[in-house]
C-alpha atoms as a PDB file:
ATOM      1  CA  UNK A   1      17.472 -24.551  17.873  1.00  0.00           C
ATOM      2  CA  UNK A   2      17.539 -23.227  14.491  1.00  0.00           C
ATOM      3  CA  UNK A   3      15.723 -24.943  11.446  1.00  0.00           C
ATOM      4  CA  UNK A   4      17.701 -26.091   8.636  1.00  0.00           C
ATOM      5  CA  UNK A   5      16.298 -25.675   5.107  1.00  0.00           C
ATOM      6  CA  UNK A   6      17.576 -28.520   2.653  1.00  0.00           C
ATOM      7  CA  UNK A   7      17.459 -27.374  -1.239  1.00  0.00           C
ATOM      8  CA  UNK A   8      18.502 -28.598  -4.378  1.00  0.00           C
ATOM      9  CA  UNK A   9      19.447 -25.385  -5.672  1.00  0.00           C
ATOM     10  CA  UNK A  10      19.357 -21.694  -4.515  1.00  0.00           C
ATOM     11  CA  UNK A  11      19.073 -20.018  -8.158  1.00  0.00           C
ATOM     12  CA  UNK A  12      15.044 -20.726  -8.558  1.00  0.00           C
ATOM     13  CA  UNK A  13      14.764 -18.944  -5.043  1.00  0.00           C
ATOM     14  CA  UNK A  14      16.783 -15.622  -5.781  1.00  0.00           C
ATOM     15  CA  UNK A  15      13.920 -14.621  -7.975  1.00  0.00           C
ATOM     16  CA  UNK A  16      12.315 -13.681  -5.174  1.00  0.00           C
ATOM     17  CA  UNK A  17      15.039 -10.945  -4.614  1.00  0.00           C
ATOM     18  CA  UNK A  18      13.308  -9.101  -7.599  1.00  0.00           C
ATOM     19  CA  UNK A  19       9.732  -9.816  -6.595  1.00  0.00           C
ATOM     20  CA  UNK A  20      10.640  -8.764  -2.896  1.00  0.00           C
ATOM     21  CA  UNK A  21      11.025  -5.027  -4.174  1.00  0.00           C
ATOM     22  CA  UNK A  22       7.284  -4.332  -3.963  1.00  0.00           C
ATOM     23  CA  UNK A  23       4.970  -4.844  -0.983  1.00  0.00           C
ATOM     24  CA  UNK A  24       3.055  -8.157  -0.851  1.00  0.00           C
ATOM     25  CA  UNK A  25      -0.168  -8.048  -1.956  1.00  0.00           C
ATOM     26  CA  UNK A  26      -2.320  -7.766   1.140  1.00  0.00           C
ATOM     27  CA  UNK A  27      -6.238  -8.423   1.455  1.00  0.00           C
ATOM     28  CA  UNK A  28      -6.603  -4.901   2.817  1.00  0.00           C
ATOM     29  CA  UNK A  29      -4.657  -3.364   0.151  1.00  0.00           C
ATOM     30  CA  UNK A  30      -6.925  -0.604  -0.215  1.00  0.00           C
ATOM     31  CA  UNK A  31      -5.895   0.316   3.550  1.00  0.00           C
ATOM     32  CA  UNK A  32      -2.543   1.312   2.408  1.00  0.00           C
ATOM     33  CA  UNK A  33      -3.414   2.394  -1.364  1.00  0.00           C
ATOM     34  CA  UNK A  34       0.019   4.814  -1.704  1.00  0.00           C
ATOM     35  CA  UNK A  35       2.075   1.956  -1.011  1.00  0.00           C
ATOM     36  CA  UNK A  36       1.213   0.641  -4.435  1.00  0.00           C
ATOM     37  CA  UNK A  37       0.482   4.128  -6.087  1.00  0.00           C
ATOM     38  CA  UNK A  38       2.181   6.823  -4.786  1.00  0.00           C
ATOM     39  CA  UNK A  39      -0.502   9.229  -6.569  1.00  0.00           C
ATOM     40  CA  UNK A  40      -2.744   8.191  -3.816  1.00  0.00           C
ATOM     41  CA  UNK A  41      -0.625   9.913  -1.056  1.00  0.00           C
ATOM     42  CA  UNK A  42      -2.281  12.956   0.739  1.00  0.00           C
ATOM     43  CA  UNK A  43      -5.928  11.833  -0.894  1.00  0.00           C
ATOM     44  CA  UNK A  44      -7.484  12.461   2.528  1.00  0.00           C
ATOM     45  CA  UNK A  45      -7.510  16.231   4.417  1.00  0.00           C
ATOM     46  CA  UNK A  46      -6.011  14.617   7.432  1.00  0.00           C
ATOM     47  CA  UNK A  47      -2.911  12.644   8.484  1.00  0.00           C
ATOM     48  CA  UNK A  48      -3.580   8.700   8.016  1.00  0.00           C
ATOM     49  CA  UNK A  49      -1.395   6.792  10.217  1.00  0.00           C
ATOM     50  CA  UNK A  50      -1.655   2.865   9.778  1.00  0.00           C
ATOM     51  CA  UNK A  51       0.158  -0.067  11.223  1.00  0.00           C
ATOM     52  CA  UNK A  52      -0.506  -3.687  10.019  1.00  0.00           C
ATOM     53  CA  UNK A  53       0.537  -7.147  10.499  1.00  0.00           C
ATOM     54  CA  UNK A  54       0.028 -10.277   8.111  1.00  0.00           C
ATOM     55  CA  UNK A  55       0.542 -13.863   8.604  1.00  0.00           C
ATOM     56  CA  UNK A  56       0.143 -16.042   5.941  1.00  0.00           C
ATOM     57  CA  UNK A  57      -0.797 -19.438   5.555  1.00  0.00           C
ATOM     58  CA  UNK A  58      -0.795 -19.785   9.123  1.00  0.00           C
ATOM     59  CA  UNK A  59       0.557 -23.353  10.695  1.00  0.00           C
ATOM     60  CA  UNK A  60       2.495 -23.742   7.961  1.00  0.00           C
ATOM     61  CA  UNK A  61       6.375 -23.887   8.674  1.00  0.00           C
ATOM     62  CA  UNK A  62       8.338 -20.862   7.439  1.00  0.00           C
ATOM     63  CA  UNK A  63       5.087 -19.196   6.137  1.00  0.00           C
ATOM     64  CA  UNK A  64       5.171 -15.502   4.739  1.00  0.00           C
ATOM     65  CA  UNK A  65       4.521 -12.605   7.224  1.00  0.00           C
ATOM     66  CA  UNK A  66       4.708  -9.510   6.955  1.00  0.00           C
ATOM     67  CA  UNK A  67       4.365  -6.082   8.885  1.00  0.00           C
ATOM     68  CA  UNK A  68       4.283  -2.493   7.854  1.00  0.00           C
ATOM     69  CA  UNK A  69       3.645   1.120   9.431  1.00  0.00           C
ATOM     70  CA  UNK A  70       2.576   3.823   7.053  1.00  0.00           C
ATOM     71  CA  UNK A  71       1.757   7.930   7.259  1.00  0.00           C
ATOM     72  CA  UNK A  72       0.114   9.923   4.670  1.00  0.00           C
ATOM     73  CA  UNK A  73      -1.172  13.681   4.728  1.00  0.00           C
ATOM     74  CA  UNK A  74      -1.181  17.035   2.862  1.00  0.00           C
ATOM     75  CA  UNK A  75       1.899  18.968   2.664  1.00  0.00           C
ATOM     76  CA  UNK A  76      -0.077  21.993   2.754  1.00  0.00           C
ATOM     77  CA  UNK A  77      -2.349  20.957   5.469  1.00  0.00           C
ATOM     78  CA  UNK A  78      -3.287  24.325   7.221  1.00  0.00           C
ATOM     79  CA  UNK A  79      -4.278  25.769   3.826  1.00  0.00           C
ATOM     80  CA  UNK A  80      -7.330  23.520   3.678  1.00  0.00           C
ATOM     81  CA  UNK A  81      -8.677  24.531   7.042  1.00  0.00           C
ATOM     82  CA  UNK A  82      -9.732  28.406   7.034  1.00  0.00           C
ATOM     83  CA  UNK A  83     -12.245  30.602   8.845  1.00  0.00           C
ATOM     84  CA  UNK A  84     -15.107  32.234   6.667  1.00  0.00           C
ATOM     85  CA  UNK A  85     -14.268  36.063   6.244  1.00  0.00           C
ATOM     86  CA  UNK A  86     -17.568  36.667   6.661  1.00  0.00           C
ATOM     87  CA  UNK A  87     -17.991  35.125  10.093  1.00  0.00           C
ATOM     88  CA  UNK A  88     -14.783  36.403  11.460  1.00  0.00           C
ATOM     89  CA  UNK A  89     -14.381  39.947  10.459  1.00  0.00           C
ATOM     90  CA  UNK A  90     -15.586  43.382  10.856  1.00  0.00           C
ATOM     91  CA  UNK A  91     -18.781  44.899   8.809  1.00  0.00           C
ATOM     92  CA  UNK A  92     -17.100  46.660   5.800  1.00  0.00           C
ATOM     93  CA  UNK A  93     -19.186  49.180   3.522  1.00  0.00           C
ATOM     94  CA  UNK A  94     -18.165  47.076   0.122  1.00  0.00           C
ATOM     95  CA  UNK A  95     -19.256  43.506   0.652  1.00  0.00           C
ATOM     96  CA  UNK A  96     -17.773  42.579  -2.923  1.00  0.00           C
ATOM     97  CA  UNK A  97     -14.583  42.390  -1.245  1.00  0.00           C
ATOM     98  CA  UNK A  98     -15.271  39.248   0.452  1.00  0.00           C
ATOM     99  CA  UNK A  99     -15.396  37.546  -3.158  1.00  0.00           C
ATOM    100  CA  UNK A 100     -11.866  38.077  -4.109  1.00  0.00           C
ATOM    101  CA  UNK A 101     -10.824  36.608  -0.866  1.00  0.00           C
ATOM    102  CA  UNK A 102     -13.291  33.838  -0.995  1.00  0.00           C
ATOM    103  CA  UNK A 103     -11.845  32.857  -4.445  1.00  0.00           C
ATOM    104  CA  UNK A 104      -8.114  33.036  -3.436  1.00  0.00           C
ATOM    105  CA  UNK A 105      -8.987  30.619  -0.493  1.00  0.00           C
ATOM    106  CA  UNK A 106     -10.883  28.169  -2.493  1.00  0.00           C
ATOM    107  CA  UNK A 107      -8.135  28.004  -5.040  1.00  0.00           C
ATOM    108  CA  UNK A 108      -5.534  27.316  -2.199  1.00  0.00           C
ATOM    109  CA  UNK A 109      -7.835  24.521  -0.766  1.00  0.00           C
ATOM    110  CA  UNK A 110      -8.111  22.631  -3.984  1.00  0.00           C
ATOM    111  CA  UNK A 111      -4.197  22.560  -4.435  1.00  0.00           C
ATOM    112  CA  UNK A 112      -3.082  19.377  -2.886  1.00  0.00           C
ATOM    113  CA  UNK A 113       0.293  18.403  -2.370  1.00  0.00           C
ATOM    114  CA  UNK A 114       0.153  14.785  -0.316  1.00  0.00           C
ATOM    115  CA  UNK A 115       3.620  13.385   1.080  1.00  0.00           C
ATOM    116  CA  UNK A 116       4.028  10.103   3.258  1.00  0.00           C
ATOM    117  CA  UNK A 117       5.755   6.929   3.146  1.00  0.00           C
ATOM    118  CA  UNK A 118       6.004   3.313   4.934  1.00  0.00           C
ATOM    119  CA  UNK A 119       8.451   0.987   6.205  1.00  0.00           C
ATOM    120  CA  UNK A 120       7.889  -2.481   5.606  1.00  0.00           C
ATOM    121  CA  UNK A 121       9.283  -6.002   6.569  1.00  0.00           C
ATOM    122  CA  UNK A 122       8.607  -9.066   4.755  1.00  0.00           C
ATOM    123  CA  UNK A 123      10.036 -12.706   5.874  1.00  0.00           C
ATOM    124  CA  UNK A 124       9.586 -16.031   4.340  1.00  0.00           C
ATOM    125  CA  UNK A 125      11.630 -18.922   5.741  1.00  0.00           C
ATOM    126  CA  UNK A 126      15.236 -17.948   5.036  1.00  0.00           C
ATOM    127  CA  UNK A 127      14.435 -14.985   3.258  1.00  0.00           C
ATOM    128  CA  UNK A 128      14.051 -11.773   4.933  1.00  0.00           C
ATOM    129  CA  UNK A 129      13.360  -7.986   3.429  1.00  0.00           C
ATOM    130  CA  UNK A 130      13.010  -4.334   5.146  1.00  0.00           C
ATOM    131  CA  UNK A 131      12.194  -1.749   3.019  1.00  0.00           C
ATOM    132  CA  UNK A 132      11.401   2.032   3.421  1.00  0.00           C
ATOM    133  CA  UNK A 133       9.939   4.632   0.589  1.00  0.00           C
ATOM    134  CA  UNK A 134       8.934   8.307   0.686  1.00  0.00           C
ATOM    135  CA  UNK A 135       5.811   9.360  -1.549  1.00  0.00           C
ATOM    136  CA  UNK A 136       4.859  12.668  -3.129  1.00  0.00           C
ATOM    137  CA  UNK A 137       1.957  13.641  -4.886  1.00  0.00           C
ATOM    138  CA  UNK A 138       0.452  16.336  -6.505  1.00  0.00           C
ATOM    139  CA  UNK A 139      -3.323  16.628  -6.963  1.00  0.00           C
ATOM    140  CA  UNK A 140      -4.805  18.590  -9.838  1.00  0.00           C
ATOM    141  CA  UNK A 141      -8.652  19.825  -9.418  1.00  0.00           C
ATOM    142  CA  UNK A 142     -10.549  19.238 -12.740  1.00  0.00           C
ATOM    143  CA  UNK A 143     -13.230  21.632 -13.618  1.00  0.00           C
ATOM    144  CA  UNK A 144     -15.696  22.872 -11.125  1.00  0.00           C
ATOM    145  CA  UNK A 145     -16.551  19.317  -9.870  1.00  0.00           C
ATOM    146  CA  UNK A 146     -14.960  17.421  -7.218  1.00  0.00           C
ATOM    147  CA  UNK A 147     -12.889  15.620  -9.731  1.00  0.00           C
ATOM    148  CA  UNK A 148      -8.908  15.359  -9.318  1.00  0.00           C
ATOM    149  CA  UNK A 149      -6.342  13.924 -11.249  1.00  0.00           C
ATOM    150  CA  UNK A 150      -2.988  13.053  -8.911  1.00  0.00           C
ATOM    151  CA  UNK A 151       0.345  12.086 -10.233  1.00  0.00           C
ATOM    152  CA  UNK A 152       3.179  10.742  -7.718  1.00  0.00           C
ATOM    153  CA  UNK A 153       6.504   9.250  -7.427  1.00  0.00           C
ATOM    154  CA  UNK A 154       8.345   7.284  -4.915  1.00  0.00           C
ATOM    155  CA  UNK A 155      11.976   6.525  -3.847  1.00  0.00           C
ATOM    156  CA  UNK A 156      12.968   3.837  -1.491  1.00  0.00           C
ATOM    157  CA  UNK A 157      15.449   1.498  -0.076  1.00  0.00           C
ATOM    158  CA  UNK A 158      15.143  -2.174   0.092  1.00  0.00           C
ATOM    159  CA  UNK A 159      17.624  -4.524   2.210  1.00  0.00           C
ATOM    160  CA  UNK A 160      17.558  -7.973   1.784  1.00  0.00           C
ATOM    161  CA  UNK A 161      18.734 -10.969   3.650  1.00  0.00           C
ATOM    162  CA  UNK A 162      19.301 -14.622   3.405  1.00  0.00           C
ATOM    163  CA  UNK A 163      19.730 -16.493   6.928  1.00  0.00           C
ATOM    164  CA  UNK A 164      22.348 -18.464   5.541  1.00  0.00           C
ATOM    165  CA  UNK A 165      23.290 -20.477   8.518  1.00  0.00           C
ATOM    166  CA  UNK A 166      19.952 -22.539   7.742  1.00  0.00           C
ATOM    167  CA  UNK A 167      20.894 -23.309   4.072  1.00  0.00           C
ATOM    168  CA  UNK A 168      22.229 -26.698   3.149  1.00  0.00           C
ATOM    169  CA  UNK A 169      22.843 -27.930  -0.448  1.00  0.00           C
ATOM    170  CA  UNK A 170      22.876 -31.344  -1.789  1.00  0.00           C
ATOM    171  CA  UNK A 171      26.014 -30.077  -3.918  1.00  0.00           C
ATOM    172  CA  UNK A 172      27.284 -27.192  -2.277  1.00  0.00           C
ATOM    173  CA  UNK A 173      30.583 -26.999  -3.875  1.00  0.00           C
ATOM    174  CA  UNK A 174      29.176 -26.994  -7.576  1.00  0.00           C
ATOM    175  CA  UNK A 175      26.329 -24.395  -6.813  1.00  0.00           C
ATOM    176  CA  UNK A 176      27.268 -21.075  -8.267  1.00  0.00           C
ATOM    177  CA  UNK A 177      24.555 -18.939  -6.182  1.00  0.00           C
ATOM    178  CA  UNK A 178      25.518 -20.580  -2.879  1.00  0.00           C
ATOM    179  CA  UNK A 179      29.197 -19.912  -3.610  1.00  0.00           C
ATOM    180  CA  UNK A 180      28.709 -16.532  -4.435  1.00  0.00           C
ATOM    181  CA  UNK A 181      26.840 -15.781  -1.495  1.00  0.00           C
ATOM    182  CA  UNK A 182      29.589 -17.563   0.592  1.00  0.00           C
ATOM    183  CA  UNK A 183      32.187 -15.528  -0.888  1.00  0.00           C
ATOM    184  CA  UNK A 184      30.574 -12.133  -1.534  1.00  0.00           C
ATOM    185  CA  UNK A 185      27.988 -11.660   0.955  1.00  0.00           C
ATOM    186  CA  UNK A 186      24.174 -12.728   1.323  1.00  0.00           C
ATOM    187  CA  UNK A 187      22.313  -9.441   1.892  1.00  0.00           C
ATOM    188  CA  UNK A 188      22.000  -6.497  -1.057  1.00  0.00           C
ATOM    189  CA  UNK A 189      20.408  -3.168  -0.695  1.00  0.00           C
ATOM    190  CA  UNK A 190      18.585  -1.820  -3.553  1.00  0.00           C
ATOM    191  CA  UNK A 191      17.639   1.920  -4.335  1.00  0.00           C
ATOM    192  CA  UNK A 192      14.355   1.969  -6.579  1.00  0.00           C
ATOM    193  CA  UNK A 193      11.638   4.310  -7.764  1.00  0.00           C
ATOM    194  CA  UNK A 194       7.984   3.941  -8.939  1.00  0.00           C
ATOM    195  CA  UNK A 195       5.397   6.459 -10.410  1.00  0.00           C
ATOM    196  CA  UNK A 196       1.351   6.717 -10.730  1.00  0.00           C
ATOM    197  CA  UNK A 197      -1.225   8.526 -11.687  1.00  0.00           C
ATOM    198  CA  UNK A 198      -5.055   8.321 -10.393  1.00  0.00           C
ATOM    199  CA  UNK A 199      -8.113   9.885 -11.307  1.00  0.00           C
ATOM    200  CA  UNK A 200     -10.755  10.146  -8.603  1.00  0.00           C
ATOM    201  CA  UNK A 201     -13.879  11.779  -7.255  1.00  0.00           C
ATOM    202  CA  UNK A 202     -15.985  11.385  -4.068  1.00  0.00           C
ATOM    203  CA  UNK A 203     -17.771   8.235  -5.557  1.00  0.00           C
ATOM    204  CA  UNK A 204     -15.259   6.400  -7.498  1.00  0.00           C
ATOM    205  CA  UNK A 205     -11.474   6.266  -8.544  1.00  0.00           C
ATOM    206  CA  UNK A 206      -9.137   4.560 -11.552  1.00  0.00           C
ATOM    207  CA  UNK A 207      -5.268   4.487 -11.068  1.00  0.00           C
ATOM    208  CA  UNK A 208      -2.396   3.340 -12.574  1.00  0.00           C
ATOM    209  CA  UNK A 209       1.027   2.732 -11.446  1.00  0.00           C
ATOM    210  CA  UNK A 210       4.199   1.260 -12.470  1.00  0.00           C
ATOM    211  CA  UNK A 211       6.461  -0.167  -9.828  1.00  0.00           C
ATOM    212  CA  UNK A 212      10.451  -0.737 -10.191  1.00  0.00           C
ATOM    213  CA  UNK A 213      10.964   1.778 -12.710  1.00  0.00           C
ATOM    214  CA  UNK A 214      14.486   1.530 -12.107  1.00  0.00           C
ATOM    215  CA  UNK A 215      16.108  -0.545  -9.392  1.00  0.00           C
ATOM    216  CA  UNK A 216      19.860  -0.381  -8.592  1.00  0.00           C
ATOM    217  CA  UNK A 217      21.916  -2.071  -6.191  1.00  0.00           C
ATOM    218  CA  UNK A 218      23.959   0.317  -4.080  1.00  0.00           C
ATOM    219  CA  UNK A 219      25.667  -2.446  -1.740  1.00  0.00           C
ATOM    220  CA  UNK A 220      26.049  -5.983  -1.412  1.00  0.00           C
ATOM    221  CA  UNK A 221      26.667  -9.079  -3.702  1.00  0.00           C
ATOM    222  CA  UNK A 222      25.691  -8.356  -7.293  1.00  0.00           C
ATOM    223  CA  UNK A 223      26.286 -11.783  -8.824  1.00  0.00           C
ATOM    224  CA  UNK A 224      23.284 -13.543  -8.215  1.00  0.00           C
ATOM    225  CA  UNK A 225      20.764 -10.889  -8.958  1.00  0.00           C
ATOM    226  CA  UNK A 226      17.983 -11.603 -11.504  1.00  0.00           C
ATOM    227  CA  UNK A 227      17.525  -8.705 -14.217  1.00  0.00           C
ATOM    228  CA  UNK A 228      14.435  -6.204 -13.148  1.00  0.00           C
ATOM    229  CA  UNK A 229      11.653  -5.370 -14.905  1.00  0.00           C
ATOM    230  CA  UNK A 230       8.789  -2.758 -14.515  1.00  0.00           C
ATOM    231  CA  UNK A 231       5.697  -3.786 -12.580  1.00  0.00           C
ATOM    232  CA  UNK A 232       2.115  -2.382 -13.913  1.00  0.00           C
ATOM    233  CA  UNK A 233      -0.602  -2.083 -11.109  1.00  0.00           C
ATOM    234  CA  UNK A 234      -3.903  -1.060 -11.858  1.00  0.00           C
ATOM    235  CA  UNK A 235      -6.732  -0.596  -8.998  1.00  0.00           C
ATOM    236  CA  UNK A 236     -10.395   0.992  -9.383  1.00  0.00           C
ATOM    237  CA  UNK A 237     -13.279   1.382  -7.251  1.00  0.00           C
ATOM    238  CA  UNK A 238     -16.802   2.765  -6.732  1.00  0.00           C
ATOM    239  CA  UNK A 239     -18.994   3.824  -3.787  1.00  0.00           C
ATOM    240  CA  UNK A 240     -22.693   3.439  -4.471  1.00  0.00           C
ATOM    241  CA  UNK A 241     -24.808   4.927  -1.881  1.00  0.00           C
ATOM    242  CA  UNK A 242     -27.839   2.807  -1.050  1.00  0.00           C
ATOM    243  CA  UNK A 243     -29.355   5.462   1.441  1.00  0.00           C
ATOM    244  CA  UNK A 244     -28.338   7.912   4.062  1.00  0.00           C
ATOM    245  CA  UNK A 245     -26.469   5.443   6.075  1.00  0.00           C
ATOM    246  CA  UNK A 246     -25.364   2.337   4.081  1.00  0.00           C
ATOM    247  CA  UNK A 247     -22.999   2.306   1.000  1.00  0.00           C
ATOM    248  CA  UNK A 248     -21.831  -0.608  -1.085  1.00  0.00           C
ATOM    249  CA  UNK A 249     -18.033  -0.564  -2.145  1.00  0.00           C
ATOM    250  CA  UNK A 250     -16.707  -2.655  -5.145  1.00  0.00           C
ATOM    251  CA  UNK A 251     -13.286  -2.400  -5.834  1.00  0.00           C
ATOM    252  CA  UNK A 252     -10.443  -4.525  -7.207  1.00  0.00           C
ATOM    253  CA  UNK A 253      -6.441  -4.627  -7.910  1.00  0.00           C
ATOM    254  CA  UNK A 254      -4.445  -6.187 -10.701  1.00  0.00           C
ATOM    255  CA  UNK A 255      -0.670  -6.495 -10.576  1.00  0.00           C
ATOM    256  CA  UNK A 256       1.392  -7.943 -13.841  1.00  0.00           C
ATOM    257  CA  UNK A 257       4.744  -7.333 -15.844  1.00  0.00           C
ATOM    258  CA  UNK A 258       7.278  -9.587 -17.674  1.00  0.00           C
ATOM    259  CA  UNK A 259       8.907 -11.572 -15.223  1.00  0.00           C
ATOM    260  CA  UNK A 260       6.465 -11.176 -12.525  1.00  0.00           C
ATOM    261  CA  UNK A 261       3.985 -13.630 -11.070  1.00  0.00           C
ATOM    262  CA  UNK A 262       0.366 -12.346 -11.991  1.00  0.00           C
ATOM    263  CA  UNK A 263      -1.797 -11.039  -9.111  1.00  0.00           C
ATOM    264  CA  UNK A 264      -5.546  -9.845  -8.862  1.00  0.00           C
ATOM    265  CA  UNK A 265      -8.357  -9.382  -6.226  1.00  0.00           C
ATOM    266  CA  UNK A 266     -11.726  -8.377  -6.270  1.00  0.00           C
ATOM    267  CA  UNK A 267     -13.752  -7.455  -3.238  1.00  0.00           C
ATOM    268  CA  UNK A 268     -16.771  -5.578  -2.143  1.00  0.00           C
ATOM    269  CA  UNK A 269     -17.667  -4.158   1.240  1.00  0.00           C
ATOM    270  CA  UNK A 270     -20.863  -2.568   2.653  1.00  0.00           C
ATOM    271  CA  UNK A 271     -20.267   0.250   4.879  1.00  0.00           C
ATOM    272  CA  UNK A 272     -22.607   1.674   7.426  1.00  0.00           C
ATOM    273  CA  UNK A 273     -22.363   5.511   8.459  1.00  0.00           C
ATOM    274  CA  UNK A 274     -18.465   5.553   8.467  1.00  0.00           C
ATOM    275  CA  UNK A 275     -18.725   3.491  11.571  1.00  0.00           C
ATOM    276  CA  UNK A 276     -18.504  -0.143  10.670  1.00  0.00           C
ATOM    277  CA  UNK A 277     -18.105  -2.075   7.326  1.00  0.00           C
ATOM    278  CA  UNK A 278     -17.924  -5.895   6.402  1.00  0.00           C
ATOM    279  CA  UNK A 279     -16.594  -7.030   3.001  1.00  0.00           C
ATOM    280  CA  UNK A 280     -15.690 -10.243   1.047  1.00  0.00           C
ATOM    281  CA  UNK A 281     -12.871 -10.863  -1.596  1.00  0.00           C
ATOM    282  CA  UNK A 282     -11.452 -13.407  -3.896  1.00  0.00           C
ATOM    283  CA  UNK A 283      -7.764 -13.677  -5.100  1.00  0.00           C
ATOM    284  CA  UNK A 284      -6.823 -15.291  -8.170  1.00  0.00           C
ATOM    285  CA  UNK A 285      -4.911 -17.903  -6.311  1.00  0.00           C
ATOM    286  CA  UNK A 286      -7.941 -19.243  -5.055  1.00  0.00           C
ATOM    287  CA  UNK A 287      -8.262 -17.570  -1.748  1.00  0.00           C
ATOM    288  CA  UNK A 288     -11.797 -16.541  -0.352  1.00  0.00           C
ATOM    289  CA  UNK A 289     -11.425 -13.380   1.910  1.00  0.00           C
ATOM    290  CA  UNK A 290     -13.574 -12.116   4.701  1.00  0.00           C
ATOM    291  CA  UNK A 291     -12.954  -8.999   6.338  1.00  0.00           C
ATOM    292  CA  UNK A 292     -14.552  -6.300   8.901  1.00  0.00           C
ATOM    293  CA  UNK A 293     -13.530  -3.094  10.360  1.00  0.00           C
ATOM    294  CA  UNK A 294     -14.766  -0.233  12.709  1.00  0.00           C
ATOM    295  CA  UNK A 295     -14.099   3.385  13.298  1.00  0.00           C
ATOM    296  CA  UNK A 296     -14.393   5.212  16.501  1.00  0.00           C
ATOM    297  CA  UNK A 297     -15.373   8.879  16.278  1.00  0.00           C
ATOM    298  CA  UNK A 298     -13.456   9.901  13.164  1.00  0.00           C
ATOM    299  CA  UNK A 299     -10.083   9.258  15.000  1.00  0.00           C
ATOM    300  CA  UNK A 300      -9.286   5.297  15.451  1.00  0.00           C
ATOM    301  CA  UNK A 301      -9.880   2.491  13.393  1.00  0.00           C
ATOM    302  CA  UNK A 302      -9.317  -1.176  13.525  1.00  0.00           C
ATOM    303  CA  UNK A 303      -9.894  -3.801  10.963  1.00  0.00           C
ATOM    304  CA  UNK A 304      -9.147  -7.523  10.305  1.00  0.00           C
ATOM    305  CA  UNK A 305      -9.362  -9.969   7.608  1.00  0.00           C
ATOM    306  CA  UNK A 306      -9.066 -13.879   7.110  1.00  0.00           C
ATOM    307  CA  UNK A 307      -8.097 -15.464   3.797  1.00  0.00           C
ATOM    308  CA  UNK A 308      -9.372 -18.927   3.358  1.00  0.00           C
ATOM    309  CA  UNK A 309      -7.070 -21.203   1.220  1.00  0.00           C
ATOM    310  CA  UNK A 310      -8.942 -23.510  -1.177  1.00  0.00           C
ATOM    311  CA  UNK A 311      -5.332 -24.146  -3.494  1.00  0.00           C
ATOM    312  CA  UNK A 312      -3.281 -27.282  -3.418  1.00  0.00           C
ATOM    313  CA  UNK A 313      -1.784 -26.473   0.098  1.00  0.00           C
ATOM    314  CA  UNK A 314      -5.254 -25.933   1.858  1.00  0.00           C
ATOM    315  CA  UNK A 315      -4.609 -29.229   3.849  1.00  0.00           C
ATOM    316  CA  UNK A 316      -1.216 -27.858   4.970  1.00  0.00           C
ATOM    317  CA  UNK A 317      -2.334 -24.309   6.423  1.00  0.00           C
ATOM    318  CA  UNK A 318      -5.431 -22.843   8.851  1.00  0.00           C
ATOM    319  CA  UNK A 319      -5.692 -19.688   6.460  1.00  0.00           C
ATOM    320  CA  UNK A 320      -4.315 -16.364   6.503  1.00  0.00           C
ATOM    321  CA  UNK A 321      -4.747 -13.296   9.208  1.00  0.00           C
ATOM    322  CA  UNK A 322      -4.637  -9.710   8.693  1.00  0.00           C
ATOM    323  CA  UNK A 323      -4.956  -7.111  11.546  1.00  0.00           C
ATOM    324  CA  UNK A 324      -4.666  -3.235  10.814  1.00  0.00           C
ATOM    325  CA  UNK A 325      -4.827  -0.308  13.167  1.00  0.00           C
ATOM    326  CA  UNK A 326      -5.281   3.276  12.227  1.00  0.00           C
ATOM    327  CA  UNK A 327      -5.282   6.721  13.567  1.00  0.00           C
ATOM    328  CA  UNK A 328      -6.556   9.961  11.629  1.00  0.00           C
ATOM    329  CA  UNK A 329      -4.728  13.016  13.118  1.00  0.00           C
ATOM    330  CA  UNK A 330      -5.932  16.721  12.575  1.00  0.00           C
ATOM    331  CA  UNK A 331      -9.279  15.502  11.130  1.00  0.00           C
ATOM    332  CA  UNK A 332     -10.755  18.744  12.485  1.00  0.00           C
ATOM    333  CA  UNK A 333     -14.038  18.690  10.838  1.00  0.00           C
ATOM    334  CA  UNK A 334     -14.592  14.697  11.340  1.00  0.00           C
ATOM    335  CA  UNK A 335     -14.121  13.946   7.468  1.00  0.00           C
ATOM    336  CA  UNK A 336     -15.367  10.919   6.311  1.00  0.00           C
ATOM    337  CA  UNK A 337     -12.423   8.850   4.223  1.00  0.00           C
ATOM    338  CA  UNK A 338     -12.606   8.630   0.619  1.00  0.00           C
ATOM    339  CA  UNK A 339     -12.331   4.588   1.472  1.00  0.00           C
ATOM    340  CA  UNK A 340     -13.480   3.113  -1.777  1.00  0.00           C
END
């Protein structure tokens, strides 16, 4: 038996059509950072594959839930794995010839082109969103250090649906949104784009991105949509090496814009030898977050987070759960993740 949603009006809830065009802010957003800023695609020298599930406000009827699958890597991946010419060549009379070869290979190694994307499904009550996006980023080396400046762009499709069978209104005949959905359909598909930039080293990063730079309805009901406006997103993080095994990693994210709800989150993680980490965080809505993760042989990773709700709805739910499973493909040299 289907649950029925009784509403006074549909109009206030249609704002979610616009909000839904960006990913839900996950507690472990850093695990899928290119979804929030395309400039971070291809950051690692291996292919980073992840799948995740989030159940928000567990125990609350029609609470939001989200699932995603993502994959990011280097377009010029093979250029970052080459042999030392001195170790795998015949002895020659002029050793200076090695210098030109090494310089060429070093230049190719630093020229990074990241690609990838993700598929996401969000659901909340009568609303359901399925979206997919493709990312591209170019990483420019800065000076002779390990610093990079990356620029990225995203192009994606988002389909938004309403389970119209479950909707009941007090005044169906006079509700403009209800009648428009009834006559013109309750599904919309958008074409949208975003861009971002990031400055990073092996120790810290700072990124800025603009989501929903443009959003165009390519099919569906256009009469009930709200005006779209861009959303600004800032992320930053730092890695403080305490000793050879332990590192402390504070980080944060801020999302805001005209017509958007302001969201921010701060967290700090303690990592041991790239094998195990624990962390805690805080959201501006009042949620306190605990999290931990395990890494196995630079190939498989598993992480979990729990959000303790402290707002007015804390009496009506059992907190939020989030699980993410990851794979590191073609990690030939057991490279440590940037993982801020």
